[in-house]
PDB file of N, CA and C in Angstrom:
ATOM      1  N   MET A   1      -0.430 -16.077  12.032  1.00  0.00           N
ATOM      2  CA  MET A   1      -0.363 -14.839  12.779  1.00  0.00           C
ATOM      3  C   MET A   1      -1.783 -14.294  12.904  1.00  0.00           C
ATOM      4  N   ASP A   2      -2.159 -13.912  14.120  1.00  0.00           N
ATOM      5  CA  ASP A   2      -3.504 -13.384  14.274  1.00  0.00           C
ATOM      6  C   ASP A   2      -3.574 -11.941  13.769  1.00  0.00           C
ATOM      7  N   GLN A   3      -4.803 -11.456  13.614  1.00  0.00           N
ATOM      8  CA  GLN A   3      -5.007 -10.146  12.997  1.00  0.00           C
ATOM      9  C   GLN A   3      -4.399  -9.016  13.821  1.00  0.00           C
ATOM     10  N   ASN A   4      -4.433  -9.103  15.138  1.00  0.00           N
ATOM     11  CA  ASN A   4      -3.847  -8.052  15.968  1.00  0.00           C
ATOM     12  C   ASN A   4      -2.338  -7.973  15.775  1.00  0.00           C
ATOM     13  N   LYS A   5      -1.672  -9.130  15.727  1.00  0.00           N
ATOM     14  CA  LYS A   5      -0.226  -9.140  15.503  1.00  0.00           C
ATOM     15  C   LYS A   5       0.100  -8.619  14.111  1.00  0.00           C
ATOM     16  N   SER A   6      -0.721  -8.999  13.137  1.00  0.00           N
ATOM     17  CA  SER A   6      -0.521  -8.555  11.765  1.00  0.00           C
ATOM     18  C   SER A   6      -0.631  -7.035  11.664  1.00  0.00           C
ATOM     19  N   ARG A   7      -1.636  -6.470  12.297  1.00  0.00           N
ATOM     20  CA  ARG A   7      -1.817  -5.012  12.278  1.00  0.00           C
ATOM     21  C   ARG A   7      -0.661  -4.312  12.979  1.00  0.00           C
ATOM     22  N   LYS A   8      -0.243  -4.858  14.113  1.00  0.00           N
ATOM     23  CA  LYS A   8       0.867  -4.253  14.853  1.00  0.00           C
ATOM     24  C   LYS A   8       2.139  -4.275  14.014  1.00  0.00           C
ATOM     25  N   LEU A   9       2.406  -5.375  13.352  1.00  0.00           N
ATOM     26  CA  LEU A   9       3.586  -5.489  12.508  1.00  0.00           C
ATOM     27  C   LEU A   9       3.556  -4.455  11.388  1.00  0.00           C
ATOM     28  N   LEU A  10       2.408  -4.304  10.750  1.00  0.00           N
ATOM     29  CA  LEU A  10       2.269  -3.326   9.672  1.00  0.00           C
ATOM     30  C   LEU A  10       2.467  -1.907  10.197  1.00  0.00           C
ATOM     31  N   ARG A  11       1.871  -1.592  11.347  1.00  0.00           N
ATOM     32  CA  ARG A  11       2.061  -0.264  11.950  1.00  0.00           C
ATOM     33  C   ARG A  11       3.531  -0.001  12.236  1.00  0.00           C
ATOM     34  N   GLU A  12       4.240  -1.015  12.738  1.00  0.00           N
ATOM     35  CA  GLU A  12       5.661  -0.854  13.039  1.00  0.00           C
ATOM     36  C   GLU A  12       6.466  -0.590  11.768  1.00  0.00           C
ATOM     37  N   PHE A  13       6.145  -1.304  10.682  1.00  0.00           N
ATOM     38  CA  PHE A  13       6.830  -1.067   9.408  1.00  0.00           C
ATOM     39  C   PHE A  13       6.605   0.361   8.924  1.00  0.00           C
ATOM     40  N   VAL A  14       5.348   0.809   8.995  1.00  0.00           N
ATOM     41  CA  VAL A  14       5.022   2.160   8.529  1.00  0.00           C
ATOM     42  C   VAL A  14       5.707   3.199   9.412  1.00  0.00           C
ATOM     43  N   SER A  15       5.667   3.002  10.713  1.00  0.00           N
ATOM     44  CA  SER A  15       6.318   3.949  11.629  1.00  0.00           C
ATOM     45  C   SER A  15       7.808   4.055  11.347  1.00  0.00           C
ATOM     46  N   GLN A  16       8.458   2.922  11.173  1.00  0.00           N
ATOM     47  CA  GLN A  16       9.890   2.917  10.880  1.00  0.00           C
ATOM     48  C   GLN A  16      10.179   3.624   9.559  1.00  0.00           C
ATOM     49  N   ALA A  17       9.391   3.333   8.543  1.00  0.00           N
ATOM     50  CA  ALA A  17       9.591   3.964   7.231  1.00  0.00           C
ATOM     51  C   ALA A  17       9.397   5.473   7.321  1.00  0.00           C
ATOM     52  N   MET A  18       8.412   5.923   8.070  1.00  0.00           N
ATOM     53  CA  MET A  18       8.169   7.364   8.198  1.00  0.00           C
ATOM     54  C   MET A  18       9.286   8.038   8.986  1.00  0.00           C
ATOM     55  N   ARG A  19       9.775   7.386  10.037  1.00  0.00           N
ATOM     56  CA  ARG A  19      10.905   7.961  10.785  1.00  0.00           C
ATOM     57  C   ARG A  19      12.114   8.122   9.874  1.00  0.00           C
ATOM     58  N   GLU A  20      12.413   7.093   9.098  1.00  0.00           N
ATOM     59  CA  GLU A  20      13.547   7.160   8.170  1.00  0.00           C
ATOM     60  C   GLU A  20      13.331   8.245   7.121  1.00  0.00           C
ATOM     61  N   TYR A  21      12.119   8.353   6.607  1.00  0.00           N
ATOM     62  CA  TYR A  21      11.807   9.374   5.603  1.00  0.00           C
ATOM     63  C   TYR A  21      12.046  10.768   6.178  1.00  0.00           C
ATOM     64  N   PHE A  22      11.495  11.043   7.371  1.00  0.00           N
ATOM     65  CA  PHE A  22      11.661  12.364   7.966  1.00  0.00           C
ATOM     66  C   PHE A  22      13.120  12.646   8.308  1.00  0.00           C
ATOM     67  N   ASP A  23      13.865  11.643   8.724  1.00  0.00           N
ATOM     68  CA  ASP A  23      15.293  11.823   8.987  1.00  0.00           C
ATOM     69  C   ASP A  23      16.049  12.190   7.715  1.00  0.00           C
ATOM     70  N   LYS A  24      15.704  11.551   6.609  1.00  0.00           N
ATOM     71  CA  LYS A  24      16.438  11.752   5.359  1.00  0.00           C
ATOM     72  C   LYS A  24      16.091  13.047   4.650  1.00  0.00           C
ATOM     73  N   ILE A  25      14.876  13.586   4.852  1.00  0.00           N
ATOM     74  CA  ILE A  25      14.556  14.837   4.165  1.00  0.00           C
ATOM     75  C   ILE A  25      15.264  16.008   4.819  1.00  0.00           C
ATOM     76  N   ASP A  26      15.627  15.857   6.082  1.00  0.00           N
ATOM     77  CA  ASP A  26      16.476  16.793   6.803  1.00  0.00           C
ATOM     78  C   ASP A  26      16.219  18.255   6.448  1.00  0.00           C
ATOM     79  N   GLY A  27      15.013  18.718   6.722  1.00  0.00           N
ATOM     80  CA  GLY A  27      14.704  20.121   6.523  1.00  0.00           C
ATOM     81  C   GLY A  27      14.182  20.478   5.140  1.00  0.00           C
ATOM     82  N   TYR A  28      14.215  19.543   4.194  1.00  0.00           N
ATOM     83  CA  TYR A  28      13.687  19.811   2.861  1.00  0.00           C
ATOM     84  C   TYR A  28      12.192  20.086   2.992  1.00  0.00           C
ATOM     85  N   PRO A  29      11.708  21.170   2.375  1.00  0.00           N
ATOM     86  CA  PRO A  29      10.291  21.508   2.546  1.00  0.00           C
ATOM     87  C   PRO A  29       9.365  20.479   1.885  1.00  0.00           C
ATOM     88  N   ILE A  30       8.420  19.994   2.653  1.00  0.00           N
ATOM     89  CA  ILE A  30       7.419  19.062   2.133  1.00  0.00           C
ATOM     90  C   ILE A  30       6.055  19.487   2.646  1.00  0.00           C
ATOM     91  N   ASP A  31       5.030  19.056   1.962  1.00  0.00           N
ATOM     92  CA  ASP A  31       3.676  19.245   2.456  1.00  0.00           C
ATOM     93  C   ASP A  31       2.812  18.115   1.919  1.00  0.00           C
ATOM     94  N   LYS A  32       1.627  18.035   2.411  1.00  0.00           N
ATOM     95  CA  LYS A  32       0.670  17.006   1.990  1.00  0.00           C
ATOM     96  C   LYS A  32       1.270  15.601   2.080  1.00  0.00           C
ATOM     97  N   VAL A  33       1.900  15.324   3.209  1.00  0.00           N
ATOM     98  CA  VAL A  33       2.560  14.033   3.413  1.00  0.00           C
ATOM     99  C   VAL A  33       1.562  12.881   3.289  1.00  0.00           C
ATOM    100  N   TYR A  34       0.353  13.064   3.770  1.00  0.00           N
ATOM    101  CA  TYR A  34      -0.652  11.998   3.675  1.00  0.00           C
ATOM    102  C   TYR A  34      -0.857  11.602   2.219  1.00  0.00           C
ATOM    103  N   ASN A  35      -1.124  12.584   1.358  1.00  0.00           N
ATOM    104  CA  ASN A  35      -1.342  12.292  -0.063  1.00  0.00           C
ATOM    105  C   ASN A  35      -0.100  11.681  -0.700  1.00  0.00           C
ATOM    106  N   LEU A  36       1.060  12.150  -0.317  1.00  0.00           N
ATOM    107  CA  LEU A  36       2.316  11.614  -0.839  1.00  0.00           C
ATOM    108  C   LEU A  36       2.461  10.133  -0.480  1.00  0.00           C
ATOM    109  N   VAL A  37       2.246   9.809   0.775  1.00  0.00           N
ATOM    110  CA  VAL A  37       2.401   8.423   1.229  1.00  0.00           C
ATOM    111  C   VAL A  37       1.371   7.514   0.565  1.00  0.00           C
ATOM    112  N   ILE A  38       0.125   7.916   0.568  1.00  0.00           N
ATOM    113  CA  ILE A  38      -0.918   7.084  -0.044  1.00  0.00           C
ATOM    114  C   ILE A  38      -0.622   6.886  -1.524  1.00  0.00           C
ATOM    115  N   GLY A  39      -0.212   7.934  -2.204  1.00  0.00           N
ATOM    116  CA  GLY A  39       0.111   7.833  -3.625  1.00  0.00           C
ATOM    117  C   GLY A  39       1.258   6.889  -3.913  1.00  0.00           C
ATOM    118  N   GLU A  40       2.238   6.844  -3.040  1.00  0.00           N
ATOM    119  CA  GLU A  40       3.400   5.977  -3.247  1.00  0.00           C
ATOM    120  C   GLU A  40       3.160   4.548  -2.770  1.00  0.00           C
ATOM    121  N   VAL A  41       2.244   4.356  -1.860  1.00  0.00           N
ATOM    122  CA  VAL A  41       2.002   3.032  -1.283  1.00  0.00           C
ATOM    123  C   VAL A  41       0.975   2.225  -2.079  1.00  0.00           C
ATOM    124  N   GLU A  42       0.024   2.896  -2.699  1.00  0.00           N
ATOM    125  CA  GLU A  42      -1.090   2.182  -3.325  1.00  0.00           C
ATOM    126  C   GLU A  42      -0.649   1.224  -4.429  1.00  0.00           C
ATOM    127  N   LYS A  43       0.228   1.653  -5.325  1.00  0.00           N
ATOM    128  CA  LYS A  43       0.635   0.777  -6.433  1.00  0.00           C
ATOM    129  C   LYS A  43       1.332  -0.490  -5.926  1.00  0.00           C
ATOM    130  N   PRO A  44       2.385  -0.384  -5.099  1.00  0.00           N
ATOM    131  CA  PRO A  44       3.010  -1.621  -4.622  1.00  0.00           C
ATOM    132  C   PRO A  44       2.075  -2.461  -3.753  1.00  0.00           C
ATOM    133  N   LEU A  45       1.155  -1.828  -3.038  1.00  0.00           N
ATOM    134  CA  LEU A  45       0.173  -2.577  -2.256  1.00  0.00           C
ATOM    135  C   LEU A  45      -0.658  -3.469  -3.174  1.00  0.00           C
ATOM    136  N   ILE A  46      -1.131  -2.908  -4.261  1.00  0.00           N
ATOM    137  CA  ILE A  46      -1.938  -3.675  -5.215  1.00  0.00           C
ATOM    138  C   ILE A  46      -1.087  -4.736  -5.899  1.00  0.00           C
ATOM    139  N   GLU A  47       0.104  -4.357  -6.341  1.00  0.00           N
ATOM    140  CA  GLU A  47       0.981  -5.317  -7.030  1.00  0.00           C
ATOM    141  C   GLU A  47       1.307  -6.519  -6.148  1.00  0.00           C
ATOM    142  N   GLU A  48       1.714  -6.260  -4.931  1.00  0.00           N
ATOM    143  CA  GLU A  48       2.114  -7.347  -4.038  1.00  0.00           C
ATOM    144  C   GLU A  48       0.925  -8.206  -3.618  1.00  0.00           C
ATOM    145  N   THR A  49      -0.239  -7.591  -3.465  1.00  0.00           N
ATOM    146  CA  THR A  49      -1.428  -8.365  -3.113  1.00  0.00           C
ATOM    147  C   THR A  49      -1.817  -9.294  -4.257  1.00  0.00           C
ATOM    148  N   ILE A  50      -1.744  -8.808  -5.482  1.00  0.00           N
ATOM    149  CA  ILE A  50      -2.057  -9.650  -6.640  1.00  0.00           C
ATOM    150  C   ILE A  50      -1.051 -10.800  -6.738  1.00  0.00           C
ATOM    151  N   LYS A  51       0.218 -10.517  -6.499  1.00  0.00           N
ATOM    152  CA  LYS A  51       1.225 -11.591  -6.501  1.00  0.00           C
ATOM    153  C   LYS A  51       0.917 -12.610  -5.409  1.00  0.00           C
ATOM    154  N   TYR A  52       0.598 -12.125  -4.221  1.00  0.00           N
ATOM    155  CA  TYR A  52       0.283 -13.000  -3.088  1.00  0.00           C
ATOM    156  C   TYR A  52      -0.893 -13.916  -3.417  1.00  0.00           C
ATOM    157  N   CYS A  53      -1.823 -13.393  -4.209  1.00  0.00           N
ATOM    158  CA  CYS A  53      -3.020 -14.155  -4.607  1.00  0.00           C
ATOM    159  C   CYS A  53      -2.809 -14.890  -5.927  1.00  0.00           C
ATOM    160  N   ASN A  54      -1.560 -15.006  -6.349  1.00  0.00           N
ATOM    161  CA  ASN A  54      -1.222 -15.724  -7.588  1.00  0.00           C
ATOM    162  C   ASN A  54      -2.022 -15.243  -8.793  1.00  0.00           C
ATOM    163  N   GLY A  55      -2.223 -13.926  -8.868  1.00  0.00           N
ATOM    164  CA  GLY A  55      -2.917 -13.337 -10.005  1.00  0.00           C
ATOM    165  C   GLY A  55      -4.432 -13.394  -9.930  1.00  0.00           C
ATOM    166  N   ASN A  56      -4.976 -13.975  -8.884  1.00  0.00           N
ATOM    167  CA  ASN A  56      -6.428 -14.094  -8.740  1.00  0.00           C
ATOM    168  C   ASN A  56      -6.996 -12.743  -8.289  1.00  0.00           C
ATOM    169  N   GLN A  57      -7.569 -12.014  -9.241  1.00  0.00           N
ATOM    170  CA  GLN A  57      -8.069 -10.671  -8.958  1.00  0.00           C
ATOM    171  C   GLN A  57      -9.256 -10.675  -8.005  1.00  0.00           C
ATOM    172  N   SER A  58     -10.091 -11.691  -8.089  1.00  0.00           N
ATOM    173  CA  SER A  58     -11.236 -11.770  -7.167  1.00  0.00           C
ATOM    174  C   SER A  58     -10.752 -11.896  -5.731  1.00  0.00           C
ATOM    175  N   ARG A  59      -9.786 -12.776  -5.515  1.00  0.00           N
ATOM    176  CA  ARG A  59      -9.228 -12.957  -4.169  1.00  0.00           C
ATOM    177  C   ARG A  59      -8.492 -11.694  -3.717  1.00  0.00           C
ATOM    178  N   ALA A  60      -7.724 -11.082  -4.630  1.00  0.00           N
ATOM    179  CA  ALA A  60      -6.991  -9.857  -4.290  1.00  0.00           C
ATOM    180  C   ALA A  60      -7.956  -8.738  -3.908  1.00  0.00           C
ATOM    181  N   SER A  61      -9.048  -8.601  -4.644  1.00  0.00           N
ATOM    182  CA  SER A  61     -10.010  -7.543  -4.320  1.00  0.00           C
ATOM    183  C   SER A  61     -10.636  -7.788  -2.947  1.00  0.00           C
ATOM    184  N   GLU A  62     -10.913  -9.051  -2.620  1.00  0.00           N
ATOM    185  CA  GLU A  62     -11.437  -9.379  -1.286  1.00  0.00           C
ATOM    186  C   GLU A  62     -10.431  -9.019  -0.204  1.00  0.00           C
ATOM    187  N   LEU A  63      -9.183  -9.408  -0.425  1.00  0.00           N
ATOM    188  CA  LEU A  63      -8.133  -9.155   0.553  1.00  0.00           C
ATOM    189  C   LEU A  63      -7.924  -7.654   0.769  1.00  0.00           C
ATOM    190  N   LEU A  64      -8.016  -6.882  -0.315  1.00  0.00           N
ATOM    191  CA  LEU A  64      -7.832  -5.433  -0.237  1.00  0.00           C
ATOM    192  C   LEU A  64      -9.079  -4.709   0.274  1.00  0.00           C
ATOM    193  N   GLY A  65     -10.220  -5.387   0.234  1.00  0.00           N
ATOM    194  CA  GLY A  65     -11.461  -4.733   0.637  1.00  0.00           C
ATOM    195  C   GLY A  65     -11.991  -3.801  -0.432  1.00  0.00           C
ATOM    196  N   LEU A  66     -11.673  -4.105  -1.690  1.00  0.00           N
ATOM    197  CA  LEU A  66     -12.131  -3.311  -2.829  1.00  0.00           C
ATOM    198  C   LEU A  66     -13.075  -4.149  -3.672  1.00  0.00           C
ATOM    199  N   SER A  67     -13.958  -3.482  -4.398  1.00  0.00           N
ATOM    200  CA  SER A  67     -14.750  -4.224  -5.370  1.00  0.00           C
ATOM    201  C   SER A  67     -13.818  -4.642  -6.502  1.00  0.00           C
ATOM    202  N   ARG A  68     -14.200  -5.666  -7.226  1.00  0.00           N
ATOM    203  CA  ARG A  68     -13.365  -6.127  -8.336  1.00  0.00           C
ATOM    204  C   ARG A  68     -13.235  -5.028  -9.390  1.00  0.00           C
ATOM    205  N   GLY A  69     -14.312  -4.275  -9.612  1.00  0.00           N
ATOM    206  CA  GLY A  69     -14.277  -3.168 -10.570  1.00  0.00           C
ATOM    207  C   GLY A  69     -13.294  -2.086 -10.157  1.00  0.00           C
ATOM    208  N   THR A  70     -13.281  -1.758  -8.871  1.00  0.00           N
ATOM    209  CA  THR A  70     -12.339  -0.752  -8.367  1.00  0.00           C
ATOM    210  C   THR A  70     -10.907  -1.251  -8.503  1.00  0.00           C
ATOM    211  N   LEU A  71     -10.691  -2.526  -8.211  1.00  0.00           N
ATOM    212  CA  LEU A  71      -9.348  -3.085  -8.366  1.00  0.00           C
ATOM    213  C   LEU A  71      -8.903  -2.990  -9.820  1.00  0.00           C
ATOM    214  N   ARG A  72      -9.765  -3.367 -10.746  1.00  0.00           N
ATOM    215  CA  ARG A  72      -9.414  -3.301 -12.170  1.00  0.00           C
ATOM    216  C   ARG A  72      -9.110  -1.862 -12.594  1.00  0.00           C
ATOM    217  N   LYS A  73      -9.899  -0.907 -12.091  1.00  0.00           N
ATOM    218  CA  LYS A  73      -9.676   0.509 -12.407  1.00  0.00           C
ATOM    219  C   LYS A  73      -8.299   0.953 -11.914  1.00  0.00           C
ATOM    220  N   LYS A  74      -7.960   0.567 -10.704  1.00  0.00           N
ATOM    221  CA  LYS A  74      -6.663   0.942 -10.145  1.00  0.00           C
ATOM    222  C   LYS A  74      -5.521   0.237 -10.871  1.00  0.00           C
ATOM    223  N   MET A  75      -5.749  -1.006 -11.285  1.00  0.00           N
ATOM    224  CA  MET A  75      -4.728  -1.719 -12.058  1.00  0.00           C
ATOM    225  C   MET A  75      -4.469  -0.994 -13.379  1.00  0.00           C
ATOM    226  N   LYS A  76      -5.520  -0.535 -14.003  1.00  0.00           N
ATOM    227  CA  LYS A  76      -5.369   0.214 -15.256  1.00  0.00           C
ATOM    228  C   LYS A  76      -4.655   1.539 -14.993  1.00  0.00           C
ATOM    229  N   GLN A  77      -5.055   2.230 -13.932  1.00  0.00           N
ATOM    230  CA  GLN A  77      -4.457   3.517 -13.560  1.00  0.00           C
ATOM    231  C   GLN A  77      -2.946   3.388 -13.358  1.00  0.00           C
ATOM    232  N   TYR A  78      -2.512   2.304 -12.720  1.00  0.00           N
ATOM    233  CA  TYR A  78      -1.100   2.098 -12.409  1.00  0.00           C
ATOM    234  C   TYR A  78      -0.385   1.197 -13.417  1.00  0.00           C
ATOM    235  N   ASN A  79      -1.094   0.832 -14.487  1.00  0.00           N
ATOM    236  CA  ASN A  79      -0.508  -0.017 -15.533  1.00  0.00           C
ATOM    237  C   ASN A  79       0.002  -1.344 -14.956  1.00  0.00           C
ATOM    238  N   ILE A  80      -0.857  -1.983 -14.179  1.00  0.00           N
ATOM    239  CA  ILE A  80      -0.551  -3.279 -13.578  1.00  0.00           C
ATOM    240  C   ILE A  80      -1.294  -4.337 -14.382  1.00  0.00           C
ATOM    241  N   SER A  81      -0.562  -5.339 -14.838  1.00  0.00           N
ATOM    242  CA  SER A  81      -1.238  -6.383 -15.633  1.00  0.00           C
ATOM    243  C   SER A  81      -1.496  -7.626 -14.806  1.00  0.00           C
TER     244      SER A  81
END
């Protein structure tokens, strides 16, 4: 899959998830949605990327666009082994 198709697919997943989220909160007061989404997405993003890279942290950090030190810090923050 080329990078444009990959980005489009990811955007579609996020759009669908956000539509479902807003439908389900049905008037429940929320704020700071950006921080909420980033906070909930970062841990599984790191976990799944590390799995995809078969535990290779150097490769995972490259794929995520993070330094290896930043990846390790985030792994510690989220208790990811």
